[in-house]
Amino acid sequence: MQAQVIALLDDLRKRLGISFIFIAHDLPVVRDVADQVMVIQQGRVVELGPVAQIFDRPRQAYTQRLLAAGLHSDPNVQAERRKARLALA
């Protein structure tokens, strides 16, 4: 279902030439969908930029921890993800 909604939004964006704000916690989806990314911590913008810059070269420590906590689907990385999530708390 999620993939269908994202495909529909992408189709509308292309056909109508519109932009939209996509709010998500699913970081791999954000990386695939977004052109620009805004990272918010406790209601404040901590980092804003092109998707490649934010995901490949994050500048802020919070963004680095957030990405470390959410990008890996490899089962061998589960312990590291848990540690990173705890560091965010």
PDB file of N, CA and C in Angstrom:
ATOM      1  N   MET A   1       0.822  -1.191   0.000  1.00  0.00           N
ATOM      2  CA  MET A   1       0.000   0.000   0.000  1.00  0.00           C
ATOM      3  C   MET A   1       0.867   1.256   0.000  1.00  0.00           C
ATOM      4  N   GLN A   2       1.904   1.274   0.843  1.00  0.00           N
ATOM      5  CA  GLN A   2       2.768   2.449   0.912  1.00  0.00           C
ATOM      6  C   GLN A   2       3.399   2.742  -0.448  1.00  0.00           C
ATOM      7  N   ALA A   3       3.874   1.711  -1.120  1.00  0.00           N
ATOM      8  CA  ALA A   3       4.502   1.901  -2.427  1.00  0.00           C
ATOM      9  C   ALA A   3       3.518   2.472  -3.437  1.00  0.00           C
ATOM     10  N   GLN A   4       2.262   2.052  -3.366  1.00  0.00           N
ATOM     11  CA  GLN A   4       1.245   2.569  -4.289  1.00  0.00           C
ATOM     12  C   GLN A   4       0.975   4.048  -4.043  1.00  0.00           C
ATOM     13  N   VAL A   5       0.897   4.444  -2.798  1.00  0.00           N
ATOM     14  CA  VAL A   5       0.657   5.857  -2.466  1.00  0.00           C
ATOM     15  C   VAL A   5       1.836   6.706  -2.932  1.00  0.00           C
ATOM     16  N   ILE A   6       3.040   6.231  -2.695  1.00  0.00           N
ATOM     17  CA  ILE A   6       4.225   6.976  -3.115  1.00  0.00           C
ATOM     18  C   ILE A   6       4.278   7.078  -4.636  1.00  0.00           C
ATOM     19  N   ALA A   7       3.949   5.998  -5.324  1.00  0.00           N
ATOM     20  CA  ALA A   7       3.918   6.031  -6.787  1.00  0.00           C
ATOM     21  C   ALA A   7       2.877   7.024  -7.289  1.00  0.00           C
ATOM     22  N   LEU A   8       1.719   7.070  -6.653  1.00  0.00           N
ATOM     23  CA  LEU A   8       0.679   8.028  -7.031  1.00  0.00           C
ATOM     24  C   LEU A   8       1.159   9.462  -6.820  1.00  0.00           C
ATOM     25  N   LEU A   9       1.755   9.739  -5.678  1.00  0.00           N
ATOM     26  CA  LEU A   9       2.279  11.080  -5.415  1.00  0.00           C
ATOM     27  C   LEU A   9       3.342  11.470  -6.435  1.00  0.00           C
ATOM     28  N   ASP A  10       4.217  10.542  -6.775  1.00  0.00           N
ATOM     29  CA  ASP A  10       5.263  10.821  -7.760  1.00  0.00           C
ATOM     30  C   ASP A  10       4.659  11.095  -9.132  1.00  0.00           C
ATOM     31  N   ASP A  11       3.636  10.323  -9.501  1.00  0.00           N
ATOM     32  CA  ASP A  11       2.953  10.543 -10.777  1.00  0.00           C
ATOM     33  C   ASP A  11       2.302  11.929 -10.818  1.00  0.00           C
ATOM     34  N   LEU A  12       1.625  12.303  -9.743  1.00  0.00           N
ATOM     35  CA  LEU A  12       0.995  13.630  -9.676  1.00  0.00           C
ATOM     36  C   LEU A  12       2.041  14.739  -9.758  1.00  0.00           C
ATOM     37  N   ARG A  13       3.144  14.541  -9.074  1.00  0.00           N
ATOM     38  CA  ARG A  13       4.224  15.531  -9.096  1.00  0.00           C
ATOM     39  C   ARG A  13       4.732  15.749 -10.517  1.00  0.00           C
ATOM     40  N   LYS A  14       4.940  14.652 -11.230  1.00  0.00           N
ATOM     41  CA  LYS A  14       5.454  14.748 -12.600  1.00  0.00           C
ATOM     42  C   LYS A  14       4.421  15.333 -13.556  1.00  0.00           C
ATOM     43  N   ARG A  15       3.187  14.854 -13.482  1.00  0.00           N
ATOM     44  CA  ARG A  15       2.148  15.303 -14.419  1.00  0.00           C
ATOM     45  C   ARG A  15       1.722  16.745 -14.192  1.00  0.00           C
ATOM     46  N   LEU A  16       1.621  17.140 -12.927  1.00  0.00           N
ATOM     47  CA  LEU A  16       1.094  18.464 -12.612  1.00  0.00           C
ATOM     48  C   LEU A  16       2.177  19.488 -12.280  1.00  0.00           C
ATOM     49  N   GLY A  17       3.408  19.034 -12.174  1.00  0.00           N
ATOM     50  CA  GLY A  17       4.497  19.945 -11.851  1.00  0.00           C
ATOM     51  C   GLY A  17       4.384  20.543 -10.458  1.00  0.00           C
ATOM     52  N   ILE A  18       3.906  19.745  -9.523  1.00  0.00           N
ATOM     53  CA  ILE A  18       3.703  20.245  -8.162  1.00  0.00           C
ATOM     54  C   ILE A  18       4.801  19.740  -7.227  1.00  0.00           C
ATOM     55  N   SER A  19       4.871  20.359  -6.093  1.00  0.00           N
ATOM     56  CA  SER A  19       5.747  19.913  -5.010  1.00  0.00           C
ATOM     57  C   SER A  19       4.873  19.513  -3.837  1.00  0.00           C
ATOM     58  N   PHE A  20       5.418  18.724  -2.952  1.00  0.00           N
ATOM     59  CA  PHE A  20       4.679  18.380  -1.740  1.00  0.00           C
ATOM     60  C   PHE A  20       5.651  18.144  -0.601  1.00  0.00           C
ATOM     61  N   ILE A  21       5.142  18.299   0.591  1.00  0.00           N
ATOM     62  CA  ILE A  21       5.920  18.018   1.793  1.00  0.00           C
ATOM     63  C   ILE A  21       5.578  16.601   2.232  1.00  0.00           C
ATOM     64  N   PHE A  22       6.593  15.782   2.355  1.00  0.00           N
ATOM     65  CA  PHE A  22       6.436  14.376   2.717  1.00  0.00           C
ATOM     66  C   PHE A  22       7.068  14.190   4.093  1.00  0.00           C
ATOM     67  N   ILE A  23       6.260  13.956   5.090  1.00  0.00           N
ATOM     68  CA  ILE A  23       6.753  13.785   6.454  1.00  0.00           C
ATOM     69  C   ILE A  23       6.809  12.293   6.753  1.00  0.00           C
ATOM     70  N   ALA A  24       8.003  11.809   7.110  1.00  0.00           N
ATOM     71  CA  ALA A  24       8.154  10.376   7.329  1.00  0.00           C
ATOM     72  C   ALA A  24       9.307  10.096   8.281  1.00  0.00           C
ATOM     73  N   HIS A  25       9.241   8.919   8.877  1.00  0.00           N
ATOM     74  CA  HIS A  25      10.329   8.429   9.715  1.00  0.00           C
ATOM     75  C   HIS A  25      11.042   7.251   9.049  1.00  0.00           C
ATOM     76  N   ASP A  26      10.523   6.803   7.922  1.00  0.00           N
ATOM     77  CA  ASP A  26      11.104   5.681   7.185  1.00  0.00           C
ATOM     78  C   ASP A  26      12.209   6.245   6.286  1.00  0.00           C
ATOM     79  N   LEU A  27      13.436   6.228   6.788  1.00  0.00           N
ATOM     80  CA  LEU A  27      14.529   6.923   6.120  1.00  0.00           C
ATOM     81  C   LEU A  27      14.857   6.403   4.726  1.00  0.00           C
ATOM     82  N   PRO A  28      14.838   5.096   4.461  1.00  0.00           N
ATOM     83  CA  PRO A  28      15.061   4.655   3.088  1.00  0.00           C
ATOM     84  C   PRO A  28      14.009   5.201   2.118  1.00  0.00           C
ATOM     85  N   VAL A  29      12.766   5.307   2.549  1.00  0.00           N
ATOM     86  CA  VAL A  29      11.717   5.885   1.698  1.00  0.00           C
ATOM     87  C   VAL A  29      11.999   7.366   1.472  1.00  0.00           C
ATOM     88  N   VAL A  30      12.375   8.074   2.525  1.00  0.00           N
ATOM     89  CA  VAL A  30      12.701   9.498   2.385  1.00  0.00           C
ATOM     90  C   VAL A  30      13.812   9.673   1.361  1.00  0.00           C
ATOM     91  N   ARG A  31      14.828   8.843   1.455  1.00  0.00           N
ATOM     92  CA  ARG A  31      15.954   8.955   0.512  1.00  0.00           C
ATOM     93  C   ARG A  31      15.495   8.742  -0.928  1.00  0.00           C
ATOM     94  N   ASP A  32      14.577   7.820  -1.140  1.00  0.00           N
ATOM     95  CA  ASP A  32      14.093   7.537  -2.492  1.00  0.00           C
ATOM     96  C   ASP A  32      13.143   8.604  -3.020  1.00  0.00           C
ATOM     97  N   VAL A  33      12.360   9.219  -2.146  1.00  0.00           N
ATOM     98  CA  VAL A  33      11.288  10.127  -2.568  1.00  0.00           C
ATOM     99  C   VAL A  33      11.744  11.581  -2.644  1.00  0.00           C
ATOM    100  N   ALA A  34      12.575  11.997  -1.717  1.00  0.00           N
ATOM    101  CA  ALA A  34      12.849  13.427  -1.534  1.00  0.00           C
ATOM    102  C   ALA A  34      13.935  13.968  -2.454  1.00  0.00           C
ATOM    103  N   ASP A  35      13.816  15.261  -2.737  1.00  0.00           N
ATOM    104  CA  ASP A  35      14.886  16.024  -3.376  1.00  0.00           C
ATOM    105  C   ASP A  35      15.654  16.801  -2.309  1.00  0.00           C
ATOM    106  N   GLN A  36      14.906  17.321  -1.336  1.00  0.00           N
ATOM    107  CA  GLN A  36      15.455  18.081  -0.220  1.00  0.00           C
ATOM    108  C   GLN A  36      15.000  17.406   1.078  1.00  0.00           C
ATOM    109  N   VAL A  37      15.843  17.478   2.096  1.00  0.00           N
ATOM    110  CA  VAL A  37      15.515  16.872   3.384  1.00  0.00           C
ATOM    111  C   VAL A  37      15.711  17.907   4.489  1.00  0.00           C
ATOM    112  N   MET A  38      14.748  17.932   5.404  1.00  0.00           N
ATOM    113  CA  MET A  38      14.851  18.776   6.591  1.00  0.00           C
ATOM    114  C   MET A  38      14.822  17.851   7.803  1.00  0.00           C
ATOM    115  N   VAL A  39      15.842  17.949   8.638  1.00  0.00           N
ATOM    116  CA  VAL A  39      15.912  17.151   9.857  1.00  0.00           C
ATOM    117  C   VAL A  39      15.487  18.052  11.013  1.00  0.00           C
ATOM    118  N   ILE A  40      14.517  17.582  11.778  1.00  0.00           N
ATOM    119  CA  ILE A  40      13.969  18.361  12.882  1.00  0.00           C
ATOM    120  C   ILE A  40      14.192  17.605  14.185  1.00  0.00           C
ATOM    121  N   GLN A  41      14.682  18.318  15.172  1.00  0.00           N
ATOM    122  CA  GLN A  41      14.875  17.761  16.514  1.00  0.00           C
ATOM    123  C   GLN A  41      14.158  18.667  17.503  1.00  0.00           C
ATOM    124  N   GLN A  42      13.224  18.105  18.232  1.00  0.00           N
ATOM    125  CA  GLN A  42      12.454  18.832  19.236  1.00  0.00           C
ATOM    126  C   GLN A  42      11.860  20.125  18.668  1.00  0.00           C
ATOM    127  N   GLY A  43      11.309  20.021  17.460  1.00  0.00           N
ATOM    128  CA  GLY A  43      10.622  21.148  16.845  1.00  0.00           C
ATOM    129  C   GLY A  43      11.515  22.173  16.176  1.00  0.00           C
ATOM    130  N   ARG A  44      12.805  21.934  16.137  1.00  0.00           N
ATOM    131  CA  ARG A  44      13.736  22.881  15.515  1.00  0.00           C
ATOM    132  C   ARG A  44      14.489  22.219  14.375  1.00  0.00           C
ATOM    133  N   VAL A  45      14.678  22.979  13.307  1.00  0.00           N
ATOM    134  CA  VAL A  45      15.435  22.481  12.162  1.00  0.00           C
ATOM    135  C   VAL A  45      16.908  22.428  12.555  1.00  0.00           C
ATOM    136  N   VAL A  46      17.499  21.242  12.426  1.00  0.00           N
ATOM    137  CA  VAL A  46      18.922  21.102  12.735  1.00  0.00           C
ATOM    138  C   VAL A  46      19.765  20.949  11.480  1.00  0.00           C
ATOM    139  N   GLU A  47      19.120  20.548  10.374  1.00  0.00           N
ATOM    140  CA  GLU A  47      19.861  20.395   9.125  1.00  0.00           C
ATOM    141  C   GLU A  47      18.880  20.404   7.964  1.00  0.00           C
ATOM    142  N   LEU A  48      19.291  21.041   6.872  1.00  0.00           N
ATOM    143  CA  LEU A  48      18.454  21.161   5.682  1.00  0.00           C
ATOM    144  C   LEU A  48      19.365  21.136   4.471  1.00  0.00           C
ATOM    145  N   GLY A  49      18.996  20.342   3.463  1.00  0.00           N
ATOM    146  CA  GLY A  49      19.808  20.317   2.256  1.00  0.00           C
ATOM    147  C   GLY A  49      19.350  19.255   1.284  1.00  0.00           C
ATOM    148  N   PRO A  50      20.083  19.138   0.173  1.00  0.00           N
ATOM    149  CA  PRO A  50      19.784  18.103  -0.814  1.00  0.00           C
ATOM    150  C   PRO A  50      19.894  16.716  -0.186  1.00  0.00           C
ATOM    151  N   VAL A  51      19.091  15.796  -0.683  1.00  0.00           N
ATOM    152  CA  VAL A  51      19.026  14.463  -0.089  1.00  0.00           C
ATOM    153  C   VAL A  51      20.404  13.802  -0.023  1.00  0.00           C
ATOM    154  N   ALA A  52      21.210  13.926  -1.084  1.00  0.00           N
ATOM    155  CA  ALA A  52      22.532  13.287  -1.085  1.00  0.00           C
ATOM    156  C   ALA A  52      23.431  13.879  -0.005  1.00  0.00           C
ATOM    157  N   GLN A  53      23.364  15.178   0.173  1.00  0.00           N
ATOM    158  CA  GLN A  53      24.190  15.822   1.204  1.00  0.00           C
ATOM    159  C   GLN A  53      23.794  15.352   2.598  1.00  0.00           C
ATOM    160  N   ILE A  54      22.512  15.324   2.873  1.00  0.00           N
ATOM    161  CA  ILE A  54      22.047  14.947   4.210  1.00  0.00           C
ATOM    162  C   ILE A  54      22.345  13.477   4.502  1.00  0.00           C
ATOM    163  N   PHE A  55      22.102  12.602   3.533  1.00  0.00           N
ATOM    164  CA  PHE A  55      22.279  11.170   3.776  1.00  0.00           C
ATOM    165  C   PHE A  55      23.738  10.723   3.665  1.00  0.00           C
ATOM    166  N   ASP A  56      24.509  11.356   2.779  1.00  0.00           N
ATOM    167  CA  ASP A  56      25.882  10.906   2.554  1.00  0.00           C
ATOM    168  C   ASP A  56      26.918  11.697   3.346  1.00  0.00           C
ATOM    169  N   ARG A  57      26.609  12.957   3.660  1.00  0.00           N
ATOM    170  CA  ARG A  57      27.556  13.808   4.373  1.00  0.00           C
ATOM    171  C   ARG A  57      26.841  14.670   5.413  1.00  0.00           C
ATOM    172  N   PRO A  58      26.152  14.040   6.358  1.00  0.00           N
ATOM    173  CA  PRO A  58      25.444  14.840   7.365  1.00  0.00           C
ATOM    174  C   PRO A  58      26.444  15.631   8.208  1.00  0.00           C
ATOM    175  N   ARG A  59      26.087  16.872   8.490  1.00  0.00           N
ATOM    176  CA  ARG A  59      26.994  17.751   9.237  1.00  0.00           C
ATOM    177  C   ARG A  59      26.722  17.738  10.735  1.00  0.00           C
ATOM    178  N   GLN A  60      25.476  17.590  11.104  1.00  0.00           N
ATOM    179  CA  GLN A  60      25.097  17.690  12.512  1.00  0.00           C
ATOM    180  C   GLN A  60      25.142  16.319  13.193  1.00  0.00           C
ATOM    181  N   ALA A  61      25.568  16.314  14.442  1.00  0.00           N
ATOM    182  CA  ALA A  61      25.672  15.064  15.202  1.00  0.00           C
ATOM    183  C   ALA A  61      24.318  14.365  15.312  1.00  0.00           C
ATOM    184  N   TYR A  62      23.243  15.130  15.510  1.00  0.00           N
ATOM    185  CA  TYR A  62      21.914  14.519  15.619  1.00  0.00           C
ATOM    186  C   TYR A  62      21.553  13.797  14.326  1.00  0.00           C
ATOM    187  N   THR A  63      21.814  14.422  13.188  1.00  0.00           N
ATOM    188  CA  THR A  63      21.513  13.798  11.897  1.00  0.00           C
ATOM    189  C   THR A  63      22.333  12.530  11.725  1.00  0.00           C
ATOM    190  N   GLN A  64      23.584  12.573  12.097  1.00  0.00           N
ATOM    191  CA  GLN A  64      24.445  11.392  11.991  1.00  0.00           C
ATOM    192  C   GLN A  64      23.900  10.244  12.835  1.00  0.00           C
ATOM    193  N   ARG A  65      23.475  10.543  14.058  1.00  0.00           N
ATOM    194  CA  ARG A  65      22.916   9.501  14.931  1.00  0.00           C
ATOM    195  C   ARG A  65      21.588   8.983  14.385  1.00  0.00           C
ATOM    196  N   LEU A  66      20.763   9.881  13.875  1.00  0.00           N
ATOM    197  CA  LEU A  66      19.474   9.496  13.307  1.00  0.00           C
ATOM    198  C   LEU A  66      19.666   8.536  12.138  1.00  0.00           C
ATOM    199  N   LEU A  67      20.573   8.869  11.251  1.00  0.00           N
ATOM    200  CA  LEU A  67      20.830   8.009  10.097  1.00  0.00           C
ATOM    201  C   LEU A  67      21.421   6.671  10.529  1.00  0.00           C
ATOM    202  N   ALA A  68      22.307   6.687  11.492  1.00  0.00           N
ATOM    203  CA  ALA A  68      22.894   5.437  11.987  1.00  0.00           C
ATOM    204  C   ALA A  68      21.830   4.545  12.605  1.00  0.00           C
ATOM    205  N   ALA A  69      20.816   5.149  13.187  1.00  0.00           N
ATOM    206  CA  ALA A  69      19.760   4.386  13.850  1.00  0.00           C
ATOM    207  C   ALA A  69      18.745   3.818  12.883  1.00  0.00           C
ATOM    208  N   GLY A  70      18.635   4.361  11.682  1.00  0.00           N
ATOM    209  CA  GLY A  70      17.516   3.974  10.849  1.00  0.00           C
ATOM    210  C   GLY A  70      17.764   3.484   9.456  1.00  0.00           C
ATOM    211  N   LEU A  71      18.973   3.468   8.961  1.00  0.00           N
ATOM    212  CA  LEU A  71      19.173   3.135   7.553  1.00  0.00           C
ATOM    213  C   LEU A  71      19.494   1.676   7.271  1.00  0.00           C
ATOM    214  N   HIS A  72      20.032   0.967   8.210  1.00  0.00           N
ATOM    215  CA  HIS A  72      20.527  -0.380   7.924  1.00  0.00           C
ATOM    216  C   HIS A  72      19.457  -1.444   8.132  1.00  0.00           C
ATOM    217  N   SER A  73      19.268  -2.285   7.114  1.00  0.00           N
ATOM    218  CA  SER A  73      18.329  -3.391   7.256  1.00  0.00           C
ATOM    219  C   SER A  73      19.060  -4.723   7.441  1.00  0.00           C
ATOM    220  N   ASP A  74      20.365  -4.711   7.408  1.00  0.00           N
ATOM    221  CA  ASP A  74      21.172  -5.907   7.616  1.00  0.00           C
ATOM    222  C   ASP A  74      20.984  -6.391   9.057  1.00  0.00           C
ATOM    223  N   PRO A  75      20.584  -7.651   9.241  1.00  0.00           N
ATOM    224  CA  PRO A  75      20.355  -8.166  10.596  1.00  0.00           C
ATOM    225  C   PRO A  75      21.589  -8.073  11.489  1.00  0.00           C
ATOM    226  N   ASN A  76      22.768  -8.094  10.912  1.00  0.00           N
ATOM    227  CA  ASN A  76      24.004  -8.012  11.694  1.00  0.00           C
ATOM    228  C   ASN A  76      24.229  -6.632  12.299  1.00  0.00           C
ATOM    229  N   VAL A  77      23.464  -5.656  11.864  1.00  0.00           N
ATOM    230  CA  VAL A  77      23.637  -4.286  12.338  1.00  0.00           C
ATOM    231  C   VAL A  77      22.632  -3.950  13.442  1.00  0.00           C
ATOM    232  N   GLN A  78      21.775  -4.881  13.810  1.00  0.00           N
ATOM    233  CA  GLN A  78      20.702  -4.604  14.771  1.00  0.00           C
ATOM    234  C   GLN A  78      21.213  -4.059  16.104  1.00  0.00           C
ATOM    235  N   ALA A  79      22.284  -4.602  16.633  1.00  0.00           N
ATOM    236  CA  ALA A  79      22.811  -4.120  17.921  1.00  0.00           C
ATOM    237  C   ALA A  79      23.274  -2.675  17.809  1.00  0.00           C
ATOM    238  N   GLU A  80      23.923  -2.331  16.724  1.00  0.00           N
ATOM    239  CA  GLU A  80      24.378  -0.952  16.525  1.00  0.00           C
ATOM    240  C   GLU A  80      23.193  -0.002  16.387  1.00  0.00           C
ATOM    241  N   ARG A  81      22.138  -0.438  15.728  1.00  0.00           N
ATOM    242  CA  ARG A  81      20.944   0.400  15.588  1.00  0.00           C
ATOM    243  C   ARG A  81      20.314   0.672  16.948  1.00  0.00           C
ATOM    244  N   ARG A  82      20.261  -0.358  17.780  1.00  0.00           N
ATOM    245  CA  ARG A  82      19.694  -0.171  19.118  1.00  0.00           C
ATOM    246  C   ARG A  82      20.516   0.840  19.915  1.00  0.00           C
ATOM    247  N   LYS A  83      21.836   0.734  19.842  1.00  0.00           N
ATOM    248  CA  LYS A  83      22.709   1.681  20.543  1.00  0.00           C
ATOM    249  C   LYS A  83      22.478   3.103  20.034  1.00  0.00           C
ATOM    250  N   ALA A  84      22.371   3.250  18.730  1.00  0.00           N
ATOM    251  CA  ALA A  84      22.166   4.580  18.151  1.00  0.00           C
ATOM    252  C   ALA A  84      20.815   5.150  18.568  1.00  0.00           C
ATOM    253  N   ARG A  85      19.779   4.304  18.608  1.00  0.00           N
ATOM    254  CA  ARG A  85      18.454   4.775  19.037  1.00  0.00           C
ATOM    255  C   ARG A  85      18.490   5.250  20.487  1.00  0.00           C
ATOM    256  N   LEU A  86      19.192   4.513  21.322  1.00  0.00           N
ATOM    257  CA  LEU A  86      19.307   4.914  22.726  1.00  0.00           C
ATOM    258  C   LEU A  86      20.041   6.246  22.858  1.00  0.00           C
ATOM    259  N   ALA A  87      21.015   6.474  21.991  1.00  0.00           N
ATOM    260  CA  ALA A  87      21.749   7.741  22.033  1.00  0.00           C
ATOM    261  C   ALA A  87      20.856   8.916  21.646  1.00  0.00           C
ATOM    262  N   LEU A  88      19.816   8.666  20.848  1.00  0.00           N
ATOM    263  CA  LEU A  88      18.892   9.724  20.434  1.00  0.00           C
ATOM    264  C   LEU A  88      17.941  10.109  21.553  1.00  0.00           C
ATOM    265  N   ALA A  89      17.700   9.196  22.466  1.00  0.00           N
ATOM    266  CA  ALA A  89      16.703   9.439  23.525  1.00  0.00           C
ATOM    267  C   ALA A  89      17.137  10.492  24.516  1.00  0.00           C
TER     268      ALA A  89
END
